[in-house]
């Protein structure tokens, strides 16, 4: 997609601000028109499409809103610092495409969203509804029949987790499991679940290495009608886990755009930023874990990555965080409020 000229980008930003004003005043038709003018001047900014789809939904135009969501998903796909916006665009497109009976398109977007967050309840629910309605893929033509042992396919299972000060509770959703058909083994850094399904298939799940150590002897599990609940005793009472497994933490760090790691453990100024932010807005429990993750990234990052994080955070009024100094150093970082919210100019 061609890069807009500086004049075009300036015009687009002006129309975008006017569109936000119109949306705030509930003038949705005017807002849609102004967002379209912004896109005409500069079609490389995902936020323009994300805001326009909301305006179009207010006007009852699901088909065009779905098209905007798909475009936004494409524009954010290669941008590691826009993972949240990319997930939002995929989920929105999947939801709208399903409502419009475009099940193949819906399934494609929802599968991509599932890869980003496999425990998201709405994504899992929509996928379960949409998958049976997609167009079946043609069966491959058998050239030669070969007798093989047919092994039952391994069933999949959705899982979620949450925590308190003492335990991490993992829920694996498998229905109608017999009491003697499931076994859980605990180690200090992992947990393994083995389930023998009624079909004879093995449904095994390994979660390791865990984010932090647990106490195997004080960990338990319970088989229920719709799920298996695994309670893992924390080795460090009160320690908040940012992720369930270390591999998930590494994926999130990579998605956040971490350039490189340093062994330096010298003074960390990110704590001061977090302290100032908390004076203005008290963090909710879910936001605290994300804040801890960003502090960890900042602490181990090199100087260019730290400068990028500081510059993007301050210039965007706390709405953007980037670790790419090459991009951030080129100019000021604009305020980028969350999707479905609007920056009001005064």
C-alpha atoms as a PDB file:
ATOM      1  CA  UNK A   1       0.000   0.000   0.000  1.00  0.00           C
ATOM      2  CA  UNK A   2       1.600   3.350  -1.061  1.00  0.00           C
ATOM      3  CA  UNK A   3       2.736   5.682   1.696  1.00  0.00           C
ATOM      4  CA  UNK A   4       0.720   8.919   1.756  1.00  0.00           C
ATOM      5  CA  UNK A   5       2.341  12.304   1.328  1.00  0.00           C
ATOM      6  CA  UNK A   6       2.815  14.516   4.370  1.00  0.00           C
ATOM      7  CA  UNK A   7       0.001  16.801   3.177  1.00  0.00           C
ATOM      8  CA  UNK A   8      -2.384  13.882   2.698  1.00  0.00           C
ATOM      9  CA  UNK A   9      -1.546  12.493   6.133  1.00  0.00           C
ATOM     10  CA  UNK A  10      -2.214  15.905   7.668  1.00  0.00           C
ATOM     11  CA  UNK A  11      -5.586  16.200   5.901  1.00  0.00           C
ATOM     12  CA  UNK A  12      -6.524  12.663   6.944  1.00  0.00           C
ATOM     13  CA  UNK A  13      -5.729  13.363  10.598  1.00  0.00           C
ATOM     14  CA  UNK A  14      -7.824  16.548  10.522  1.00  0.00           C
ATOM     15  CA  UNK A  15     -10.839  14.688   9.061  1.00  0.00           C
ATOM     16  CA  UNK A  16     -10.314  11.922  11.625  1.00  0.00           C
ATOM     17  CA  UNK A  17     -10.499  14.383  14.530  1.00  0.00           C
ATOM     18  CA  UNK A  18     -13.641  15.950  13.048  1.00  0.00           C
ATOM     19  CA  UNK A  19     -15.171  12.496  12.651  1.00  0.00           C
ATOM     20  CA  UNK A  20     -14.513  11.705  16.316  1.00  0.00           C
ATOM     21  CA  UNK A  21     -16.254  14.945  17.261  1.00  0.00           C
ATOM     22  CA  UNK A  22     -19.276  14.049  15.134  1.00  0.00           C
ATOM     23  CA  UNK A  23     -19.433  10.536  16.595  1.00  0.00           C
ATOM     24  CA  UNK A  24     -19.219  11.941  20.104  1.00  0.00           C
ATOM     25  CA  UNK A  25     -22.226  14.139  19.262  1.00  0.00           C
ATOM     26  CA  UNK A  26     -24.049  11.009  17.921  1.00  0.00           C
ATOM     27  CA  UNK A  27     -24.028  12.364  14.345  1.00  0.00           C
ATOM     28  CA  UNK A  28     -23.180   8.940  12.952  1.00  0.00           C
ATOM     29  CA  UNK A  29     -23.806   9.630   9.255  1.00  0.00           C
ATOM     30  CA  UNK A  30     -21.549  12.685   9.388  1.00  0.00           C
ATOM     31  CA  UNK A  31     -18.937  10.690  11.313  1.00  0.00           C
ATOM     32  CA  UNK A  32     -18.965   7.911   8.695  1.00  0.00           C
ATOM     33  CA  UNK A  33     -18.530  10.458   5.891  1.00  0.00           C
ATOM     34  CA  UNK A  34     -15.593  12.135   7.651  1.00  0.00           C
ATOM     35  CA  UNK A  35     -13.907   8.800   8.438  1.00  0.00           C
ATOM     36  CA  UNK A  36     -14.258   7.939   4.735  1.00  0.00           C
ATOM     37  CA  UNK A  37     -12.605  11.235   3.781  1.00  0.00           C
ATOM     38  CA  UNK A  38      -9.740  10.434   6.158  1.00  0.00           C
ATOM     39  CA  UNK A  39      -9.332   7.001   4.567  1.00  0.00           C
ATOM     40  CA  UNK A  40      -9.392   8.512   1.079  1.00  0.00           C
ATOM     41  CA  UNK A  41      -6.498  10.782   2.043  1.00  0.00           C
ATOM     42  CA  UNK A  42      -4.556   8.066   3.910  1.00  0.00           C
ATOM     43  CA  UNK A  43      -5.632   4.428   3.738  1.00  0.00           C
ATOM     44  CA  UNK A  44      -2.680   3.089   5.766  1.00  0.00           C
ATOM     45  CA  UNK A  45      -3.984   3.925   9.262  1.00  0.00           C
ATOM     46  CA  UNK A  46      -5.855   1.014  10.935  1.00  0.00           C
ATOM     47  CA  UNK A  47      -7.627   3.306  13.427  1.00  0.00           C
ATOM     48  CA  UNK A  48      -9.558   5.033  10.620  1.00  0.00           C
ATOM     49  CA  UNK A  49     -11.140   1.742   9.544  1.00  0.00           C
ATOM     50  CA  UNK A  50     -11.706   0.604  13.142  1.00  0.00           C
ATOM     51  CA  UNK A  51     -13.580   3.784  14.012  1.00  0.00           C
ATOM     52  CA  UNK A  52     -15.558   3.737  10.768  1.00  0.00           C
ATOM     53  CA  UNK A  53     -16.787   0.190  11.375  1.00  0.00           C
ATOM     54  CA  UNK A  54     -18.215   1.330  14.720  1.00  0.00           C
ATOM     55  CA  UNK A  55     -20.014   4.234  13.024  1.00  0.00           C
ATOM     56  CA  UNK A  56     -21.364   1.898  10.353  1.00  0.00           C
ATOM     57  CA  UNK A  57     -22.664  -0.493  12.995  1.00  0.00           C
ATOM     58  CA  UNK A  58     -24.498   2.432  14.585  1.00  0.00           C
ATOM     59  CA  UNK A  59     -26.129   2.964  11.163  1.00  0.00           C
ATOM     60  CA  UNK A  60     -27.017  -0.733  10.853  1.00  0.00           C
ATOM     61  CA  UNK A  61     -24.575  -1.377   7.985  1.00  0.00           C
ATOM     62  CA  UNK A  62     -23.063  -4.725   9.013  1.00  0.00           C
ATOM     63  CA  UNK A  63     -21.695  -5.680   5.576  1.00  0.00           C
ATOM     64  CA  UNK A  64     -19.527  -2.556   5.202  1.00  0.00           C
ATOM     65  CA  UNK A  65     -18.551  -2.720   8.878  1.00  0.00           C
ATOM     66  CA  UNK A  66     -17.326  -6.289   8.331  1.00  0.00           C
ATOM     67  CA  UNK A  67     -15.272  -5.127   5.331  1.00  0.00           C
ATOM     68  CA  UNK A  68     -13.664  -2.398   7.463  1.00  0.00           C
ATOM     69  CA  UNK A  69     -12.842  -4.923  10.184  1.00  0.00           C
ATOM     70  CA  UNK A  70     -11.163  -7.206   7.651  1.00  0.00           C
ATOM     71  CA  UNK A  71      -9.106  -4.295   6.271  1.00  0.00           C
ATOM     72  CA  UNK A  72      -8.064  -3.289   9.789  1.00  0.00           C
ATOM     73  CA  UNK A  73      -7.000  -6.884  10.499  1.00  0.00           C
ATOM     74  CA  UNK A  74      -4.838  -6.857   7.366  1.00  0.00           C
ATOM     75  CA  UNK A  75      -3.217  -3.502   8.243  1.00  0.00           C
ATOM     76  CA  UNK A  76      -2.367  -4.588  11.808  1.00  0.00           C
ATOM     77  CA  UNK A  77      -1.231  -8.118  10.999  1.00  0.00           C
ATOM     78  CA  UNK A  78       2.482  -7.338  10.594  1.00  0.00           C
ATOM     79  CA  UNK A  79       2.649  -4.763  13.422  1.00  0.00           C
ATOM     80  CA  UNK A  80       3.778  -6.413  16.636  1.00  0.00           C
ATOM     81  CA  UNK A  81       2.864  -3.356  18.713  1.00  0.00           C
ATOM     82  CA  UNK A  82      -0.772  -3.582  17.538  1.00  0.00           C
ATOM     83  CA  UNK A  83      -1.518  -7.162  18.580  1.00  0.00           C
ATOM     84  CA  UNK A  84      -4.548  -6.115  20.650  1.00  0.00           C
ATOM     85  CA  UNK A  85      -6.026  -4.135  17.725  1.00  0.00           C
ATOM     86  CA  UNK A  86      -5.312  -7.053  15.364  1.00  0.00           C
ATOM     87  CA  UNK A  87      -7.149  -9.480  17.667  1.00  0.00           C
ATOM     88  CA  UNK A  88     -10.080  -7.045  18.015  1.00  0.00           C
ATOM     89  CA  UNK A  89     -10.367  -6.665  14.222  1.00  0.00           C
ATOM     90  CA  UNK A  90     -10.261 -10.451  13.665  1.00  0.00           C
ATOM     91  CA  UNK A  91     -12.917 -11.091  16.314  1.00  0.00           C
ATOM     92  CA  UNK A  92     -15.171  -8.311  14.996  1.00  0.00           C
ATOM     93  CA  UNK A  93     -14.898  -9.530  11.408  1.00  0.00           C
ATOM     94  CA  UNK A  94     -15.552 -13.116  12.492  1.00  0.00           C
ATOM     95  CA  UNK A  95     -18.625 -12.101  14.478  1.00  0.00           C
ATOM     96  CA  UNK A  96     -20.105  -9.920  11.722  1.00  0.00           C
ATOM     97  CA  UNK A  97     -19.323 -12.394   8.943  1.00  0.00           C
ATOM     98  CA  UNK A  98     -21.121 -15.113  10.936  1.00  0.00           C
ATOM     99  CA  UNK A  99     -24.150 -12.866  11.395  1.00  0.00           C
ATOM    100  CA  UNK A 100     -24.128 -12.276   7.615  1.00  0.00           C
ATOM    101  CA  UNK A 101     -23.930 -16.067   7.014  1.00  0.00           C
ATOM    102  CA  UNK A 102     -20.449 -15.772   5.459  1.00  0.00           C
ATOM    103  CA  UNK A 103     -19.303 -18.760   7.459  1.00  0.00           C
ATOM    104  CA  UNK A 104     -16.082 -19.515   5.568  1.00  0.00           C
ATOM    105  CA  UNK A 105     -14.827 -15.938   6.046  1.00  0.00           C
ATOM    106  CA  UNK A 106     -15.931 -15.952   9.683  1.00  0.00           C
ATOM    107  CA  UNK A 107     -14.133 -19.212  10.414  1.00  0.00           C
ATOM    108  CA  UNK A 108     -10.888 -17.984   8.820  1.00  0.00           C
ATOM    109  CA  UNK A 109     -10.764 -14.834  10.985  1.00  0.00           C
ATOM    110  CA  UNK A 110     -11.836 -16.644  14.145  1.00  0.00           C
ATOM    111  CA  UNK A 111      -9.153 -19.320  13.672  1.00  0.00           C
ATOM    112  CA  UNK A 112      -6.511 -16.573  13.516  1.00  0.00           C
ATOM    113  CA  UNK A 113      -7.990 -14.942  16.637  1.00  0.00           C
ATOM    114  CA  UNK A 114      -7.929 -18.323  18.401  1.00  0.00           C
ATOM    115  CA  UNK A 115      -4.189 -18.656  17.744  1.00  0.00           C
ATOM    116  CA  UNK A 116      -3.625 -15.310  19.486  1.00  0.00           C
ATOM    117  CA  UNK A 117      -5.880 -16.083  22.475  1.00  0.00           C
ATOM    118  CA  UNK A 118      -7.096 -19.721  22.620  1.00  0.00           C
ATOM    119  CA  UNK A 119      -8.873 -19.168  25.952  1.00  0.00           C
ATOM    120  CA  UNK A 120     -11.069 -16.263  24.792  1.00  0.00           C
ATOM    121  CA  UNK A 121     -14.643 -17.365  25.511  1.00  0.00           C
ATOM    122  CA  UNK A 122     -16.385 -15.545  22.639  1.00  0.00           C
ATOM    123  CA  UNK A 123     -13.858 -16.767  20.063  1.00  0.00           C
ATOM    124  CA  UNK A 124     -14.303 -20.376  21.199  1.00  0.00           C
ATOM    125  CA  UNK A 125     -18.099 -20.086  21.251  1.00  0.00           C
ATOM    126  CA  UNK A 126     -18.275 -18.556  17.758  1.00  0.00           C
ATOM    127  CA  UNK A 127     -15.891 -21.126  16.327  1.00  0.00           C
ATOM    128  CA  UNK A 128     -18.021 -23.973  17.682  1.00  0.00           C
ATOM    129  CA  UNK A 129     -21.068 -22.477  15.951  1.00  0.00           C
ATOM    130  CA  UNK A 130     -19.369 -21.540  12.672  1.00  0.00           C
ATOM    131  CA  UNK A 131     -17.116 -24.538  11.974  1.00  0.00           C
ATOM    132  CA  UNK A 132     -19.982 -26.996  11.215  1.00  0.00           C
ATOM    133  CA  UNK A 133     -21.453 -24.479   8.734  1.00  0.00           C
ATOM    134  CA  UNK A 134     -18.332 -23.966   6.625  1.00  0.00           C
ATOM    135  CA  UNK A 135     -17.976 -25.399   3.133  1.00  0.00           C
ATOM    136  CA  UNK A 136     -16.537 -28.929   3.377  1.00  0.00           C
ATOM    137  CA  UNK A 137     -13.142 -29.332   1.750  1.00  0.00           C
ATOM    138  CA  UNK A 138     -13.097 -31.814  -1.149  1.00  0.00           C
ATOM    139  CA  UNK A 139     -11.899 -35.259  -0.236  1.00  0.00           C
ATOM    140  CA  UNK A 140      -8.530 -36.177  -1.801  1.00  0.00           C
ATOM    141  CA  UNK A 141      -8.708 -38.758  -4.588  1.00  0.00           C
ATOM    142  CA  UNK A 142      -7.328 -42.091  -3.428  1.00  0.00           C
ATOM    143  CA  UNK A 143      -4.697 -43.313  -5.887  1.00  0.00           C
ATOM    144  CA  UNK A 144      -4.052 -46.592  -4.173  1.00  0.00           C
ATOM    145  CA  UNK A 145      -5.731 -48.197  -1.231  1.00  0.00           C
ATOM    146  CA  UNK A 146      -3.327 -49.115   1.517  1.00  0.00           C
ATOM    147  CA  UNK A 147      -4.462 -50.942   4.601  1.00  0.00           C
ATOM    148  CA  UNK A 148      -3.402 -49.036   7.675  1.00  0.00           C
ATOM    149  CA  UNK A 149      -4.192 -49.193  11.306  1.00  0.00           C
ATOM    150  CA  UNK A 150      -6.817 -46.541  11.968  1.00  0.00           C
ATOM    151  CA  UNK A 151      -5.993 -44.621  15.095  1.00  0.00           C
ATOM    152  CA  UNK A 152      -8.616 -42.478  16.807  1.00  0.00           C
ATOM    153  CA  UNK A 153      -7.989 -38.774  16.438  1.00  0.00           C
ATOM    154  CA  UNK A 154      -6.880 -36.916  19.511  1.00  0.00           C
ATOM    155  CA  UNK A 155      -9.778 -34.792  20.809  1.00  0.00           C
ATOM    156  CA  UNK A 156      -9.128 -31.162  21.599  1.00  0.00           C
ATOM    157  CA  UNK A 157     -10.117 -29.380  24.776  1.00  0.00           C
ATOM    158  CA  UNK A 158     -10.498 -25.742  25.711  1.00  0.00           C
ATOM    159  CA  UNK A 159      -8.871 -24.573  28.924  1.00  0.00           C
ATOM    160  CA  UNK A 160      -8.909 -21.451  31.086  1.00  0.00           C
ATOM    161  CA  UNK A 161      -7.059 -20.436  34.228  1.00  0.00           C
ATOM    162  CA  UNK A 162      -7.274 -17.915  37.053  1.00  0.00           C
ATOM    163  CA  UNK A 163      -5.525 -17.384  40.385  1.00  0.00           C
ATOM    164  CA  UNK A 164      -5.698 -16.162  43.946  1.00  0.00           C
ATOM    165  CA  UNK A 165      -2.885 -15.547  46.427  1.00  0.00           C
ATOM    166  CA  UNK A 166      -2.350 -19.252  47.152  1.00  0.00           C
ATOM    167  CA  UNK A 167      -3.484 -21.230  44.106  1.00  0.00           C
ATOM    168  CA  UNK A 168      -3.516 -21.213  40.324  1.00  0.00           C
ATOM    169  CA  UNK A 169      -6.740 -22.881  39.160  1.00  0.00           C
ATOM    170  CA  UNK A 170      -6.677 -24.514  35.719  1.00  0.00           C
ATOM    171  CA  UNK A 171      -9.976 -25.650  34.157  1.00  0.00           C
ATOM    172  CA  UNK A 172      -9.869 -28.118  31.245  1.00  0.00           C
ATOM    173  CA  UNK A 173     -13.289 -28.413  29.610  1.00  0.00           C
ATOM    174  CA  UNK A 174     -13.912 -32.079  28.794  1.00  0.00           C
ATOM    175  CA  UNK A 175     -17.428 -33.404  29.387  1.00  0.00           C
ATOM    176  CA  UNK A 176     -18.545 -36.697  30.904  1.00  0.00           C
ATOM    177  CA  UNK A 177     -15.127 -37.981  32.001  1.00  0.00           C
ATOM    178  CA  UNK A 178     -15.279 -41.066  34.204  1.00  0.00           C
ATOM    179  CA  UNK A 179     -13.605 -40.778  37.600  1.00  0.00           C
ATOM    180  CA  UNK A 180     -11.179 -43.589  36.842  1.00  0.00           C
ATOM    181  CA  UNK A 181     -10.466 -42.392  33.280  1.00  0.00           C
ATOM    182  CA  UNK A 182      -8.429 -39.316  34.184  1.00  0.00           C
ATOM    183  CA  UNK A 183      -5.128 -38.822  35.965  1.00  0.00           C
ATOM    184  CA  UNK A 184      -3.139 -35.705  36.825  1.00  0.00           C
ATOM    185  CA  UNK A 185       0.564 -35.655  37.658  1.00  0.00           C
ATOM    186  CA  UNK A 186       2.219 -32.659  39.294  1.00  0.00           C
ATOM    187  CA  UNK A 187       5.864 -31.577  39.280  1.00  0.00           C
ATOM    188  CA  UNK A 188       7.465 -28.392  40.545  1.00  0.00           C
ATOM    189  CA  UNK A 189       7.432 -26.864  37.058  1.00  0.00           C
ATOM    190  CA  UNK A 190       4.552 -28.605  35.310  1.00  0.00           C
ATOM    191  CA  UNK A 191       1.288 -30.518  35.334  1.00  0.00           C
ATOM    192  CA  UNK A 192       0.217 -33.360  33.025  1.00  0.00           C
ATOM    193  CA  UNK A 193      -3.377 -34.421  32.393  1.00  0.00           C
ATOM    194  CA  UNK A 194      -4.191 -37.810  30.867  1.00  0.00           C
ATOM    195  CA  UNK A 195      -7.780 -38.658  29.907  1.00  0.00           C
ATOM    196  CA  UNK A 196      -9.080 -41.845  28.294  1.00  0.00           C
ATOM    197  CA  UNK A 197     -12.117 -40.875  26.214  1.00  0.00           C
ATOM    198  CA  UNK A 198     -15.149 -43.188  25.773  1.00  0.00           C
ATOM    199  CA  UNK A 199     -14.062 -43.694  22.135  1.00  0.00           C
ATOM    200  CA  UNK A 200     -10.771 -45.128  23.305  1.00  0.00           C
ATOM    201  CA  UNK A 201      -8.781 -42.079  22.256  1.00  0.00           C
ATOM    202  CA  UNK A 202      -6.223 -40.499  24.575  1.00  0.00           C
ATOM    203  CA  UNK A 203      -6.741 -36.831  25.363  1.00  0.00           C
ATOM    204  CA  UNK A 204      -3.476 -35.742  26.978  1.00  0.00           C
ATOM    205  CA  UNK A 205      -2.400 -32.218  27.892  1.00  0.00           C
ATOM    206  CA  UNK A 206       0.953 -31.072  29.269  1.00  0.00           C
ATOM    207  CA  UNK A 207       1.400 -27.622  30.775  1.00  0.00           C
ATOM    208  CA  UNK A 208       5.110 -27.052  31.267  1.00  0.00           C
ATOM    209  CA  UNK A 209       7.251 -25.325  32.109  1.00  0.00           C
ATOM    210  CA  UNK A 210       4.836 -23.326  34.231  1.00  0.00           C
ATOM    211  CA  UNK A 211       5.376 -19.605  34.743  1.00  0.00           C
ATOM    212  CA  UNK A 212       6.498 -20.210  38.344  1.00  0.00           C
ATOM    213  CA  UNK A 213       7.081 -23.169  40.645  1.00  0.00           C
ATOM    214  CA  UNK A 214       4.270 -25.016  42.442  1.00  0.00           C
ATOM    215  CA  UNK A 215       4.067 -27.386  45.410  1.00  0.00           C
ATOM    216  CA  UNK A 216       3.092 -30.816  43.973  1.00  0.00           C
ATOM    217  CA  UNK A 217       2.125 -32.410  47.318  1.00  0.00           C
ATOM    218  CA  UNK A 218      -0.374 -29.631  48.073  1.00  0.00           C
ATOM    219  CA  UNK A 219      -1.883 -29.523  44.584  1.00  0.00           C
ATOM    220  CA  UNK A 220      -5.143 -31.345  43.818  1.00  0.00           C
ATOM    221  CA  UNK A 221      -7.665 -31.939  41.057  1.00  0.00           C
ATOM    222  CA  UNK A 222     -11.376 -32.700  40.771  1.00  0.00           C
ATOM    223  CA  UNK A 223     -13.321 -34.329  37.930  1.00  0.00           C
ATOM    224  CA  UNK A 224     -16.668 -32.639  37.298  1.00  0.00           C
ATOM    225  CA  UNK A 225     -19.461 -33.223  34.788  1.00  0.00           C
ATOM    226  CA  UNK A 226     -18.275 -30.552  32.334  1.00  0.00           C
ATOM    227  CA  UNK A 227     -14.639 -30.010  33.230  1.00  0.00           C
ATOM    228  CA  UNK A 228     -11.565 -31.082  35.175  1.00  0.00           C
ATOM    229  CA  UNK A 229     -10.466 -28.517  37.747  1.00  0.00           C
ATOM    230  CA  UNK A 230      -6.772 -28.562  38.683  1.00  0.00           C
ATOM    231  CA  UNK A 231      -5.668 -26.559  41.724  1.00  0.00           C
ATOM    232  CA  UNK A 232      -1.910 -25.885  41.813  1.00  0.00           C
ATOM    233  CA  UNK A 233      -0.456 -24.583  45.089  1.00  0.00           C
ATOM    234  CA  UNK A 234       1.927 -21.680  44.490  1.00  0.00           C
ATOM    235  CA  UNK A 235       5.434 -22.148  45.825  1.00  0.00           C
ATOM    236  CA  UNK A 236       5.589 -18.378  46.361  1.00  0.00           C
ATOM    237  CA  UNK A 237       2.410 -17.292  48.129  1.00  0.00           C
ATOM    238  CA  UNK A 238       1.084 -13.955  46.856  1.00  0.00           C
ATOM    239  CA  UNK A 239       3.159 -13.961  43.655  1.00  0.00           C
ATOM    240  CA  UNK A 240       0.940 -12.944  40.725  1.00  0.00           C
ATOM    241  CA  UNK A 241       1.388 -15.021  37.566  1.00  0.00           C
ATOM    242  CA  UNK A 242       1.290 -13.036  34.320  1.00  0.00           C
ATOM    243  CA  UNK A 243       0.862 -16.204  32.246  1.00  0.00           C
ATOM    244  CA  UNK A 244       0.230 -19.889  32.862  1.00  0.00           C
ATOM    245  CA  UNK A 245       3.267 -21.177  30.966  1.00  0.00           C
ATOM    246  CA  UNK A 246       6.674 -19.688  30.224  1.00  0.00           C
ATOM    247  CA  UNK A 247       6.170 -20.246  26.491  1.00  0.00           C
ATOM    248  CA  UNK A 248       3.112 -17.963  26.588  1.00  0.00           C
ATOM    249  CA  UNK A 249       5.108 -15.236  28.334  1.00  0.00           C
ATOM    250  CA  UNK A 250       7.827 -15.496  25.670  1.00  0.00           C
ATOM    251  CA  UNK A 251       5.219 -15.214  22.908  1.00  0.00           C
ATOM    252  CA  UNK A 252       3.695 -12.101  24.492  1.00  0.00           C
ATOM    253  CA  UNK A 253       7.117 -10.546  24.915  1.00  0.00           C
ATOM    254  CA  UNK A 254       7.930 -11.196  21.259  1.00  0.00           C
ATOM    255  CA  UNK A 255       4.549  -9.813  20.183  1.00  0.00           C
ATOM    256  CA  UNK A 256       5.242  -6.668  22.175  1.00  0.00           C
ATOM    257  CA  UNK A 257       8.259  -6.116  19.926  1.00  0.00           C
ATOM    258  CA  UNK A 258      11.120  -6.758  22.302  1.00  0.00           C
ATOM    259  CA  UNK A 259      14.276  -6.208  20.290  1.00  0.00           C
ATOM    260  CA  UNK A 260      16.946  -7.771  22.499  1.00  0.00           C
ATOM    261  CA  UNK A 261      17.749  -8.682  26.067  1.00  0.00           C
ATOM    262  CA  UNK A 262      20.528  -7.368  28.299  1.00  0.00           C
ATOM    263  CA  UNK A 263      22.031  -8.884  31.416  1.00  0.00           C
ATOM    264  CA  UNK A 264      22.161  -5.440  33.015  1.00  0.00           C
ATOM    265  CA  UNK A 265      20.157  -5.174  36.251  1.00  0.00           C
ATOM    266  CA  UNK A 266      20.806  -1.482  36.934  1.00  0.00           C
ATOM    267  CA  UNK A 267      18.259   1.231  37.900  1.00  0.00           C
ATOM    268  CA  UNK A 268      14.764   0.874  36.385  1.00  0.00           C
ATOM    269  CA  UNK A 269      12.794   4.048  35.674  1.00  0.00           C
ATOM    270  CA  UNK A 270       9.666   2.171  34.496  1.00  0.00           C
ATOM    271  CA  UNK A 271       8.621   1.813  38.129  1.00  0.00           C
ATOM    272  CA  UNK A 272       8.426   5.598  38.365  1.00  0.00           C
ATOM    273  CA  UNK A 273       6.196   5.721  35.297  1.00  0.00           C
ATOM    274  CA  UNK A 274       3.935   3.034  36.732  1.00  0.00           C
ATOM    275  CA  UNK A 275       3.776   4.873  40.070  1.00  0.00           C
ATOM    276  CA  UNK A 276       2.781   8.139  38.390  1.00  0.00           C
ATOM    277  CA  UNK A 277       0.153   6.390  36.290  1.00  0.00           C
ATOM    278  CA  UNK A 278      -1.352   4.708  39.331  1.00  0.00           C
ATOM    279  CA  UNK A 279      -1.684   8.100  41.062  1.00  0.00           C
ATOM    280  CA  UNK A 280      -4.046   9.156  38.282  1.00  0.00           C
ATOM    281  CA  UNK A 281      -5.826   5.865  37.686  1.00  0.00           C
ATOM    282  CA  UNK A 282      -5.855   2.884  40.002  1.00  0.00           C
ATOM    283  CA  UNK A 283      -5.080  -0.263  38.003  1.00  0.00           C
ATOM    284  CA  UNK A 284      -7.667  -3.002  37.886  1.00  0.00           C
ATOM    285  CA  UNK A 285      -6.534  -6.557  38.741  1.00  0.00           C
ATOM    286  CA  UNK A 286      -6.361  -7.601  35.073  1.00  0.00           C
ATOM    287  CA  UNK A 287      -4.339  -4.511  34.183  1.00  0.00           C
ATOM    288  CA  UNK A 288      -1.825  -5.128  36.963  1.00  0.00           C
ATOM    289  CA  UNK A 289      -0.508  -8.292  35.305  1.00  0.00           C
ATOM    290  CA  UNK A 290       0.000  -6.492  31.989  1.00  0.00           C
ATOM    291  CA  UNK A 291       1.780  -3.656  33.796  1.00  0.00           C
ATOM    292  CA  UNK A 292       4.083  -6.171  35.480  1.00  0.00           C
ATOM    293  CA  UNK A 293       4.872  -7.705  32.087  1.00  0.00           C
ATOM    294  CA  UNK A 294       5.814  -4.326  30.612  1.00  0.00           C
ATOM    295  CA  UNK A 295       7.992  -3.562  33.647  1.00  0.00           C
ATOM    296  CA  UNK A 296       9.799  -6.847  33.057  1.00  0.00           C
ATOM    297  CA  UNK A 297      10.317  -6.037  29.364  1.00  0.00           C
ATOM    298  CA  UNK A 298      11.690  -2.572  30.209  1.00  0.00           C
ATOM    299  CA  UNK A 299      14.020  -3.883  32.884  1.00  0.00           C
ATOM    300  CA  UNK A 300      15.773  -6.326  30.543  1.00  0.00           C
ATOM    301  CA  UNK A 301      15.718  -4.209  27.378  1.00  0.00           C
ATOM    302  CA  UNK A 302      18.624  -2.379  25.710  1.00  0.00           C
ATOM    303  CA  UNK A 303      18.914   1.423  25.672  1.00  0.00           C
ATOM    304  CA  UNK A 304      17.189   1.936  22.285  1.00  0.00           C
ATOM    305  CA  UNK A 305      14.238  -0.203  23.348  1.00  0.00           C
ATOM    306  CA  UNK A 306      13.917   1.742  26.609  1.00  0.00           C
ATOM    307  CA  UNK A 307      14.003   5.074  24.780  1.00  0.00           C
ATOM    308  CA  UNK A 308      11.299   3.841  22.407  1.00  0.00           C
ATOM    309  CA  UNK A 309       9.081   2.737  25.300  1.00  0.00           C
ATOM    310  CA  UNK A 310       9.531   6.042  27.185  1.00  0.00           C
ATOM    311  CA  UNK A 311       8.957   8.230  24.108  1.00  0.00           C
ATOM    312  CA  UNK A 312       5.904   6.335  22.832  1.00  0.00           C
ATOM    313  CA  UNK A 313       4.280   6.132  26.271  1.00  0.00           C
ATOM    314  CA  UNK A 314       4.704   9.837  27.099  1.00  0.00           C
ATOM    315  CA  UNK A 315       3.885  11.318  23.668  1.00  0.00           C
ATOM    316  CA  UNK A 316       0.778   9.135  23.252  1.00  0.00           C
ATOM    317  CA  UNK A 317      -0.571  10.116  26.676  1.00  0.00           C
ATOM    318  CA  UNK A 318      -0.239   6.533  27.871  1.00  0.00           C
ATOM    319  CA  UNK A 319      -2.274   4.998  24.995  1.00  0.00           C
ATOM    320  CA  UNK A 320       0.607   3.405  23.037  1.00  0.00           C
ATOM    321  CA  UNK A 321       3.757   1.496  23.938  1.00  0.00           C
ATOM    322  CA  UNK A 322       6.376   0.623  21.324  1.00  0.00           C
ATOM    323  CA  UNK A 323       9.819  -0.979  21.524  1.00  0.00           C
ATOM    324  CA  UNK A 324      10.833  -0.128  17.946  1.00  0.00           C
ATOM    325  CA  UNK A 325      13.159   2.878  18.213  1.00  0.00           C
ATOM    326  CA  UNK A 326      13.657   3.101  14.422  1.00  0.00           C
ATOM    327  CA  UNK A 327       9.946   3.775  13.986  1.00  0.00           C
ATOM    328  CA  UNK A 328       9.372   5.896  17.098  1.00  0.00           C
ATOM    329  CA  UNK A 329      12.383   8.149  16.425  1.00  0.00           C
ATOM    330  CA  UNK A 330      10.930   9.330  13.107  1.00  0.00           C
ATOM    331  CA  UNK A 331       8.334  11.631  14.684  1.00  0.00           C
ATOM    332  CA  UNK A 332       5.826  12.189  17.496  1.00  0.00           C
ATOM    333  CA  UNK A 333       3.650   9.269  18.608  1.00  0.00           C
ATOM    334  CA  UNK A 334      -0.040  10.088  18.276  1.00  0.00           C
ATOM    335  CA  UNK A 335      -2.645   9.407  20.937  1.00  0.00           C
ATOM    336  CA  UNK A 336      -4.328   6.082  20.103  1.00  0.00           C
ATOM    337  CA  UNK A 337      -7.321   5.429  22.380  1.00  0.00           C
ATOM    338  CA  UNK A 338      -8.716   1.861  22.644  1.00  0.00           C
ATOM    339  CA  UNK A 339     -11.190   0.645  20.034  1.00  0.00           C
ATOM    340  CA  UNK A 340     -14.774   1.812  20.631  1.00  0.00           C
ATOM    341  CA  UNK A 341     -13.514   4.907  22.528  1.00  0.00           C
ATOM    342  CA  UNK A 342     -12.756   8.389  21.244  1.00  0.00           C
ATOM    343  CA  UNK A 343     -10.173  11.061  22.023  1.00  0.00           C
ATOM    344  CA  UNK A 344     -11.960  14.347  22.683  1.00  0.00           C
ATOM    345  CA  UNK A 345      -9.993  17.494  21.795  1.00  0.00           C
ATOM    346  CA  UNK A 346     -10.381  20.612  23.936  1.00  0.00           C
END
